[in-house]
Structure formats: structure tokens, C-alpha cells
Protein backbone atom coordinates (compact mmCIF):
# COMPACT_ATOMS: atom_id res chain seq x y z
CA MET A 1 0.00 0.00 0.00
CA ASN A 2 1.45 3.38 -0.90
CA SER A 3 1.67 6.24 1.58
CA SER A 4 -1.37 8.06 0.17
CA ALA A 5 -3.60 5.04 0.71
CA ASN A 6 -2.02 4.61 4.14
CA ALA A 7 -2.95 8.20 4.94
CA VAL A 8 -6.60 7.33 4.35
CA THR A 9 -6.77 4.01 6.13
CA GLY A 10 -4.36 4.95 8.89
CA ALA A 11 -6.20 8.13 9.84
CA LEU A 12 -9.52 6.34 10.06
CA PRO A 13 -9.23 4.29 13.26
CA TRP A 14 -12.64 2.74 12.78
CA LYS A 15 -11.63 0.86 9.60
CA ARG A 16 -11.56 -2.86 10.30
CA ASP A 17 -10.06 -4.26 7.06
CA ALA A 18 -7.37 -2.20 5.42
CA ALA A 19 -6.30 -5.10 3.18
CA ALA A 20 -9.17 -4.35 0.82
CA VAL A 21 -7.51 -1.13 -0.23
CA THR A 22 -3.93 -2.36 -0.57
CA ALA A 23 -3.92 -1.56 -4.30
CA ALA A 24 -5.81 1.69 -3.94
CA SER A 25 -3.32 3.67 -5.98
CA PRO A 26 0.03 2.62 -7.50
CA THR A 27 3.13 4.68 -6.87
CA ILE A 28 3.20 7.48 -9.40
CA SER A 29 6.22 7.36 -11.67
CA ALA A 30 7.82 10.36 -13.33
CA ALA A 31 6.42 9.21 -16.67
CA THR A 32 2.90 8.92 -15.25
CA ALA A 33 3.14 12.36 -13.68
CA ALA A 34 4.34 13.82 -16.99
CA ALA A 35 1.44 12.19 -18.81
CA ALA A 36 -1.17 13.47 -16.36
CA PRO A 37 -3.88 15.66 -17.94
CA THR A 38 -3.30 19.39 -17.91
CA LEU A 39 -5.34 20.94 -15.14
CA VAL A 40 -7.63 23.83 -15.88
CA PRO A 41 -6.36 26.76 -13.76
CA ARG A 42 -8.63 27.80 -10.91
CA ALA A 43 -6.99 30.64 -9.02
CA ALA A 44 -9.81 30.62 -6.46
CA ASP A 45 -9.18 27.00 -5.46
CA PRO A 46 -6.18 26.63 -3.11
CA ASP A 47 -6.46 22.84 -3.28
CA MET A 48 -5.26 22.77 -6.87
CA LEU A 49 -1.64 23.21 -5.81
CA LEU A 50 -1.92 20.10 -3.64
CA VAL A 51 -3.54 18.19 -6.49
CA ARG A 52 -0.65 19.11 -8.78
CA GLN A 53 1.87 18.12 -6.11
CA HIS A 54 0.17 14.74 -5.70
CA LEU A 55 0.20 14.13 -9.46
CA ALA A 56 3.89 15.02 -9.47
CA GLY A 57 4.54 12.25 -6.95
CA ASP A 58 4.29 14.02 -3.57
CA ALA A 59 2.49 11.48 -1.36
CA LYS A 60 2.06 14.00 1.46
CA ALA A 61 -0.11 16.24 -0.72
CA PHE A 62 -3.09 13.89 -0.71
CA GLU A 63 -2.67 13.30 3.00
CA THR A 64 -3.06 17.06 3.50
CA LEU A 65 -6.25 17.06 1.41
CA PHE A 66 -7.56 14.09 3.36
CA LYS A 67 -6.97 15.77 6.72
CA LYS A 68 -8.65 18.94 5.48
CA TYR A 69 -11.83 17.26 4.26
CA GLN A 70 -12.23 14.10 6.34
CA THR A 71 -14.55 15.77 8.89
CA PRO A 72 -16.83 17.60 6.40
CA ILE A 73 -17.17 14.49 4.25
CA PHE A 74 -17.83 12.28 7.27
CA ASN A 75 -20.53 14.70 8.47
CA VAL A 76 -22.29 14.50 5.11
CA VAL A 77 -22.05 10.72 4.98
CA MET A 78 -23.20 10.30 8.57
CA ARG A 79 -26.32 12.39 7.99
CA MET A 80 -27.04 10.52 4.76
CA VAL A 81 -26.63 6.91 5.90
CA ARG A 82 -26.29 6.95 9.72
CA GLY A 83 -24.87 4.05 11.71
CA GLU A 84 -21.57 2.22 11.43
CA ASP A 85 -21.72 2.23 7.63
CA ALA A 86 -20.81 5.92 7.65
CA TYR A 87 -17.23 5.18 8.68
CA ASP A 88 -16.59 2.69 5.89
CA ILE A 89 -18.34 4.86 3.31
CA THR A 90 -16.23 7.88 4.28
CA GLN A 91 -13.10 5.83 3.67
CA GLU A 92 -14.53 4.59 0.38
CA VAL A 93 -15.10 8.18 -0.76
CA PHE A 94 -11.47 9.12 -0.19
CA LEU A 95 -10.12 5.96 -1.79
CA LYS A 96 -12.26 6.60 -4.86
CA ALA A 97 -10.92 10.15 -4.97
CA LEU A 98 -7.36 8.88 -4.63
CA ARG A 99 -7.76 6.46 -7.52
CA ALA A 100 -9.51 9.01 -9.75
CA LEU A 101 -7.37 12.04 -8.97
CA LYS A 102 -5.18 11.46 -12.05
CA ASN A 103 -8.29 12.19 -14.15
CA PHE A 104 -9.31 15.32 -12.22
CA ARG A 105 -9.07 18.29 -14.58
CA GLY A 106 -10.10 21.08 -12.23
CA ASP A 107 -13.30 22.00 -14.08
CA ALA A 108 -14.83 22.40 -10.60
CA LYS A 109 -13.20 23.00 -7.24
CA PHE A 110 -11.57 19.96 -5.66
CA SER A 111 -13.99 20.12 -2.74
CA THR A 112 -16.97 20.16 -5.12
CA TRP A 113 -15.55 17.14 -6.94
CA LEU A 114 -15.05 15.36 -3.62
CA TYR A 115 -18.60 16.09 -2.45
CA THR A 116 -19.83 14.73 -5.79
CA ILE A 117 -18.03 11.44 -5.11
CA ALA A 118 -19.57 11.40 -1.63
CA ARG A 119 -23.02 11.98 -3.11
CA HIS A 120 -22.73 9.09 -5.59
CA THR A 121 -21.24 6.77 -2.98
CA CYS A 122 -24.00 7.49 -0.45
CA LEU A 123 -26.81 7.12 -2.98
CA ASN A 124 -25.37 3.86 -4.29
CA HIS A 125 -25.17 2.57 -0.72
CA LEU A 126 -28.79 3.54 -0.05
CA ARG A 127 -29.93 1.88 -3.27
CA HIS A 128 -28.19 -1.33 -2.31
CA LYS A 129 -29.87 -1.10 1.08
CA HIS A 130 -33.22 -0.51 -0.66
CA VAL A 131 -33.84 2.66 1.33
CA ILE A 132 -34.05 5.22 -1.48
CA GLU A 133 -37.41 6.89 -0.93
CA GLU A 134 -39.55 7.48 -3.99
CA ASP A 135 -41.79 10.23 -2.58
CA SER A 136 -41.18 13.55 -4.26
CA LEU A 137 -41.14 16.85 -2.41
CA GLU A 138 -44.30 17.85 -4.25
CA GLU A 139 -46.10 14.76 -2.94
CA GLN A 140 -44.93 15.51 0.59
CA GLN A 141 -46.32 19.02 0.36
CA GLU A 142 -49.69 17.69 -0.75
CA ASP A 143 -49.76 15.46 2.32
CA HIS A 144 -49.29 18.48 4.60
CA PRO A 145 -51.53 21.32 3.41
CA GLY A 146 -51.89 24.57 5.27
CA ASN A 147 -49.92 27.68 6.11
CA GLU A 148 -48.35 27.27 9.53
CA PRO A 149 -46.81 30.42 11.07
CA VAL A 150 -43.24 29.19 10.57
CA ASP A 151 -40.40 30.74 8.59
CA TRP A 152 -40.08 27.98 5.99
CA ASP A 153 -36.89 29.45 4.56
CA MET A 154 -35.10 29.34 7.90
CA ASN A 155 -31.84 27.40 7.68
CA VAL A 156 -32.49 23.91 9.08
CA SER A 157 -29.20 23.87 10.99
CA SER A 158 -30.35 26.92 12.99
CA ILE A 159 -32.89 24.68 14.73
CA CYS A 160 -30.09 22.68 16.35
CA GLU A 161 -29.80 24.80 19.49
CA THR A 162 -29.73 21.98 22.03
CA ARG A 163 -28.59 18.38 22.14
CA GLU A 164 -32.21 17.25 22.31
CA LEU A 165 -33.15 19.20 19.22
CA GLN A 166 -30.00 18.06 17.43
CA ARG A 167 -31.09 14.46 17.90
CA VAL A 168 -34.57 15.31 16.63
CA VAL A 169 -33.17 17.09 13.57
CA ASP A 170 -30.82 14.21 12.76
CA TYR A 171 -33.66 11.71 13.11
CA LEU A 172 -36.04 13.72 10.93
CA LEU A 173 -33.38 14.11 8.26
CA THR A 174 -33.18 10.32 8.00
CA GLN A 175 -36.92 10.27 7.28
CA MET A 176 -36.58 12.62 4.31
CA PRO A 177 -36.20 11.41 0.72
CA ALA A 178 -32.52 11.03 -0.14
CA GLU A 179 -32.36 13.95 -2.57
CA ALA A 180 -34.06 16.37 -0.16
CA ARG A 181 -31.83 15.19 2.68
CA LEU A 182 -28.69 15.71 0.61
CA LEU A 183 -29.74 19.20 -0.48
CA LEU A 184 -30.40 20.28 3.12
CA ILE A 185 -27.10 18.83 4.30
CA LEU A 186 -25.07 20.53 1.58
CA ARG A 187 -26.75 23.93 1.93
CA ASP A 188 -27.76 24.26 5.57
CA PHE A 189 -25.06 22.23 7.32
CA GLU A 190 -22.07 22.40 4.97
CA GLN A 191 -22.89 25.96 3.84
CA LEU A 192 -22.08 25.25 0.20
CA SER A 193 -23.04 27.76 -2.45
CA TYR A 194 -25.90 27.15 -4.87
CA ASP A 195 -23.32 26.94 -7.65
CA GLU A 196 -21.38 24.20 -5.84
CA ILE A 197 -24.57 22.28 -5.08
CA SER A 198 -25.58 22.59 -8.73
CA HIS A 199 -22.30 20.96 -9.79
CA ILE A 200 -22.59 18.22 -7.17
CA THR A 201 -26.21 17.30 -7.87
CA GLU A 202 -26.16 17.99 -11.64
CA LEU A 203 -29.20 20.24 -11.24
CA SER A 204 -29.62 23.77 -12.54
CA ILE A 205 -29.18 26.54 -9.97
CA VAL A 206 -32.85 27.48 -10.35
CA ASN A 207 -33.83 23.87 -9.70
CA VAL A 208 -31.47 23.66 -6.73
CA LYS A 209 -33.00 26.75 -5.11
CA SER A 210 -36.52 25.50 -5.72
CA LYS A 211 -35.82 22.02 -4.37
CA ILE A 212 -34.05 23.38 -1.28
CA HIS A 213 -37.01 25.64 -0.58
CA ARG A 214 -39.41 22.69 -0.84
CA ALA A 215 -37.08 20.48 1.21
CA ARG A 216 -37.04 23.05 4.00
CA GLN A 217 -40.82 23.25 3.91
CA ALA A 218 -41.14 19.47 4.04
CA PHE A 219 -38.65 19.22 6.90
CA LYS A 220 -40.32 21.86 9.02
CA LYS A 221 -43.73 20.31 8.54
CA ARG A 222 -42.23 17.12 9.97
CA PHE A 223 -40.63 19.18 12.72
CA GLN A 224 -43.85 20.97 13.70
CA PRO A 225 -44.72 18.55 16.58
CA TYR A 226 -41.35 19.35 18.17
CA MET A 227 -41.72 23.12 17.97
CA GLU A 228 -42.53 23.41 21.67
CA LEU A 229 -38.98 22.25 22.44
CA LEU A 230 -37.62 25.13 20.41
CA GLU A 231 -40.08 27.65 21.78
CA GLY A 232 -39.66 26.39 25.34
CA GLY A 233 -35.92 26.98 25.27
CA VAL A 234 -34.77 23.52 26.29
CA THR A 235 -31.31 23.83 27.77
CA LYS A 236 -28.34 21.57 27.29
């Protein structure tokens, strides 16, 4: 196993079987580095220098990227799949990124590309588990008519003011359709821009904004029975 793959498996203490990723990425030779695709310059993306260094054979460069993004990616995965699977899936995301990095051209920011891998990996996992929900956001809205006096555009993460409410929010997120859950996680918890979310989800920005609005509405309708906890000021 090369040092980049070791950086992934070694820094994830929960991983039980590192042998499965022994051949995650071969050592990059000078010829391979020279043949790597030319990266599209993105002055606004500081990660591109580390990507170039990795492609040039610097094993520490990917380790730096891993350490920078392991927590954000794990948080997304955990909210998408919950349970022990989140640890293995987080490792899988980084190993996929490690293997595919030689093909990364920089058309989007590295972080956006990494979140895209996380999205596909989580959705594939949910499909294999047969837990992809088919209900659309429109259908959910029809099931909950009415105009409750709640700010439907309020950021979902702002509800998480206490441990009790955090647990409620995390539970309710798991009850949302996968697409709606992902959109709320990326926008309200990870604070990604609409442009980044558009790249990750392959939706237009207009569609992203519309779906996030409906996802927030659907979430807060589910949250309505718990509003007294928020209004009552439950303390930690």
C-alpha cells in the first residue's frame, strides 16, 4: 500500500479491514506524472496546488487534502446513511478520490468534486440497502396542506440549538427522501453555495434553489410537533 492510501486508512481508526484497499493507488512514476492531464487553472481553489503536487509524486499532498476534508465528508455521509456504515463509506469516498485524482481536470473545485463522489457513494449505498425513498417533495407538500406560522426558509441547521433538538433534527433528516436530505445537508449544514450544489447534484441553480425551498418546507412540517422544544428553550 502506498503512503497516500495509508494516509486514508491509517487516519480512520474505525476501519476494520485495510487489506481491501492495498492496491488503492500505485506509486506514481515520473512518466505517469508527466502524462497526467493538464489541469484547468482555478486561481480561487487553493487545493489545486496540492492536487498538482500529488500528481507530481508528492504522497504528502493527498494526506493534506484528506486531513482537510475528512470531517466535512464524514458529516455528510453520517447524515445521509447513519450508523456504522458511515465510517466505511467515508473511507470509500477518499479511496475513490485517490484512484480518480489522475483524471481530475479542475473544471470544478476539488472540494466540489469530492462532495460529488460522496453523493454518488451514499446514494449507491442507499440503493443497495433498498432505502431510497420514492416520494417527491411535491407529494410531501400535498400530504401536509396549510400555512403554519413558521419561517419555511429558515436554515435547518439553525434549529439545532440543544442536544435534544440536534437528535430530533438528525432523526427527521433520515426520514426525508434522499435527494431532499442531501440538499439540506449541503446547503444548511455544509454551507455550500448554490453553484457548488448545482455541480454536485447535476441540477440547474434554479432547480437547486426550488428544491431546497421545498425540502425546508417538508422538513419543518415534519418538525412541527417538536416546535414546543424550540419555543420552550430547552437547555443543554
